Amino acid sequence: MPSMVRGSLGSSLGYQALAVSSAAVSLTVPSRSRIAYLYVETNDIRWRDDGTNPTASVGTPLTSGTDLIFDGDLSKIRFIRQSADATVHITYYA
């Protein structure tokens, strides 16, 4: 993660490597977290943040090698792979 991004997000509260497969998964959010920096590694995924599970064809696509800064309701965001298993690296911030 570029240092300029880290500085603008404040203090880190934790890290998670999330395995994303054929069943939708959600985050394990550390206490007091309100922002998540996500980086998609290996394969493309889809996500939804309305509390509904995405599918391989429904949800916002996020391609491998891209990142997302999410400051919505962290308890509602969910992920699923598009075609092959992926890993999402997440750092949480206050």
Protein backbone atom coordinates (compact mmCIF):
# COMPACT_ATOMS: atom_id res chain seq x y z
CA MET A 1 0.00 0.00 0.00
CA PRO A 2 1.40 3.43 -0.89
CA SER A 3 2.44 5.47 2.14
CA MET A 4 0.31 8.44 1.03
CA VAL A 5 -2.84 6.28 1.28
CA ARG A 6 -1.92 5.00 4.72
CA GLY A 7 -1.27 8.51 6.05
CA SER A 8 -4.63 9.76 4.85
CA LEU A 9 -6.55 6.92 6.50
CA GLY A 10 -5.22 7.31 10.05
CA SER A 11 -4.22 4.57 12.48
CA SER A 12 -4.38 0.94 11.39
CA LEU A 13 -6.60 -1.25 13.58
CA GLY A 14 -5.92 -4.62 11.97
CA TYR A 15 -5.33 -6.76 8.91
CA GLN A 16 -7.18 -9.66 7.30
CA ALA A 17 -6.45 -11.95 4.35
CA LEU A 18 -9.90 -13.01 3.14
CA ALA A 19 -10.28 -16.15 1.02
CA VAL A 20 -13.04 -15.55 -1.54
CA SER A 21 -14.60 -18.63 -3.12
CA SER A 22 -17.95 -19.79 -4.51
CA ALA A 23 -19.92 -18.88 -1.34
CA ALA A 24 -20.28 -15.22 -0.36
CA VAL A 25 -18.12 -14.08 2.57
CA SER A 26 -18.06 -11.02 4.81
CA LEU A 27 -15.39 -9.20 6.77
CA THR A 28 -14.20 -9.83 10.32
CA VAL A 29 -14.09 -6.19 11.40
CA PRO A 30 -11.95 -5.08 14.35
CA SER A 31 -13.63 -2.91 16.97
CA ARG A 32 -13.77 0.84 16.13
CA SER A 33 -13.03 0.27 12.42
CA ARG A 34 -14.88 2.53 10.03
CA ILE A 35 -12.74 2.32 6.88
CA ALA A 36 -11.32 -0.68 5.03
CA TYR A 37 -8.56 -0.61 2.42
CA LEU A 38 -9.01 -3.69 0.20
CA TYR A 39 -6.61 -5.10 -2.39
CA VAL A 40 -7.73 -7.95 -4.67
CA GLU A 41 -5.07 -10.55 -5.41
CA THR A 42 -5.08 -13.49 -7.85
CA ASN A 43 -8.60 -13.41 -9.41
CA ASP A 44 -11.62 -11.16 -9.99
CA ILE A 45 -14.42 -10.82 -7.44
CA ARG A 46 -17.82 -9.14 -7.06
CA TRP A 47 -19.10 -7.27 -4.03
CA ARG A 48 -22.31 -5.79 -2.63
CA ASP A 49 -22.70 -3.52 0.38
CA ASP A 50 -26.46 -3.71 0.94
CA GLY A 51 -26.33 -6.82 3.14
CA THR A 52 -27.31 -9.08 0.23
CA ASN A 53 -24.94 -11.76 -1.03
CA PRO A 54 -23.46 -11.13 -4.48
CA THR A 55 -23.28 -13.90 -7.06
CA ALA A 56 -20.65 -14.66 -9.68
CA SER A 57 -22.65 -12.49 -12.11
CA VAL A 58 -24.45 -9.95 -9.86
CA GLY A 59 -22.66 -7.29 -7.84
CA THR A 60 -20.00 -4.69 -8.47
CA PRO A 61 -16.96 -6.28 -10.14
CA LEU A 62 -13.48 -5.70 -8.76
CA THR A 63 -10.61 -7.06 -10.83
CA SER A 64 -7.44 -8.69 -9.61
CA GLY A 65 -4.71 -6.15 -8.95
CA THR A 66 -7.10 -3.34 -8.03
CA ASP A 67 -7.94 -1.77 -4.71
CA LEU A 68 -10.89 -0.16 -2.97
CA ILE A 69 -11.19 2.18 -0.02
CA PHE A 70 -14.56 1.42 1.57
CA ASP A 71 -16.07 3.70 4.20
CA GLY A 72 -19.64 2.39 4.22
CA ASP A 73 -21.19 -0.06 6.69
CA LEU A 74 -18.43 -2.65 7.05
CA SER A 75 -20.86 -5.21 8.47
CA LYS A 76 -22.87 -5.27 5.22
CA ILE A 77 -20.21 -5.69 2.54
CA ARG A 78 -19.95 -9.19 1.03
CA PHE A 79 -17.70 -10.78 -1.60
CA ILE A 80 -17.75 -13.72 -3.99
CA ARG A 81 -15.39 -14.94 -6.72
CA GLN A 82 -16.32 -14.50 -10.37
CA SER A 83 -14.72 -17.67 -11.70
CA ALA A 84 -11.75 -18.83 -9.58
CA ASP A 85 -10.83 -18.43 -5.90
CA ALA A 86 -9.28 -15.11 -4.91
CA THR A 87 -7.66 -13.49 -1.91
CA VAL A 88 -8.58 -10.02 -0.69
CA HIS A 89 -6.13 -8.28 1.63
CA ILE A 90 -7.80 -5.84 4.01
CA THR A 91 -6.36 -3.27 6.36
CA TYR A 92 -8.80 -1.62 8.77
CA TYR A 93 -8.69 1.98 9.98
CA ALA A 94 -10.46 4.09 12.60
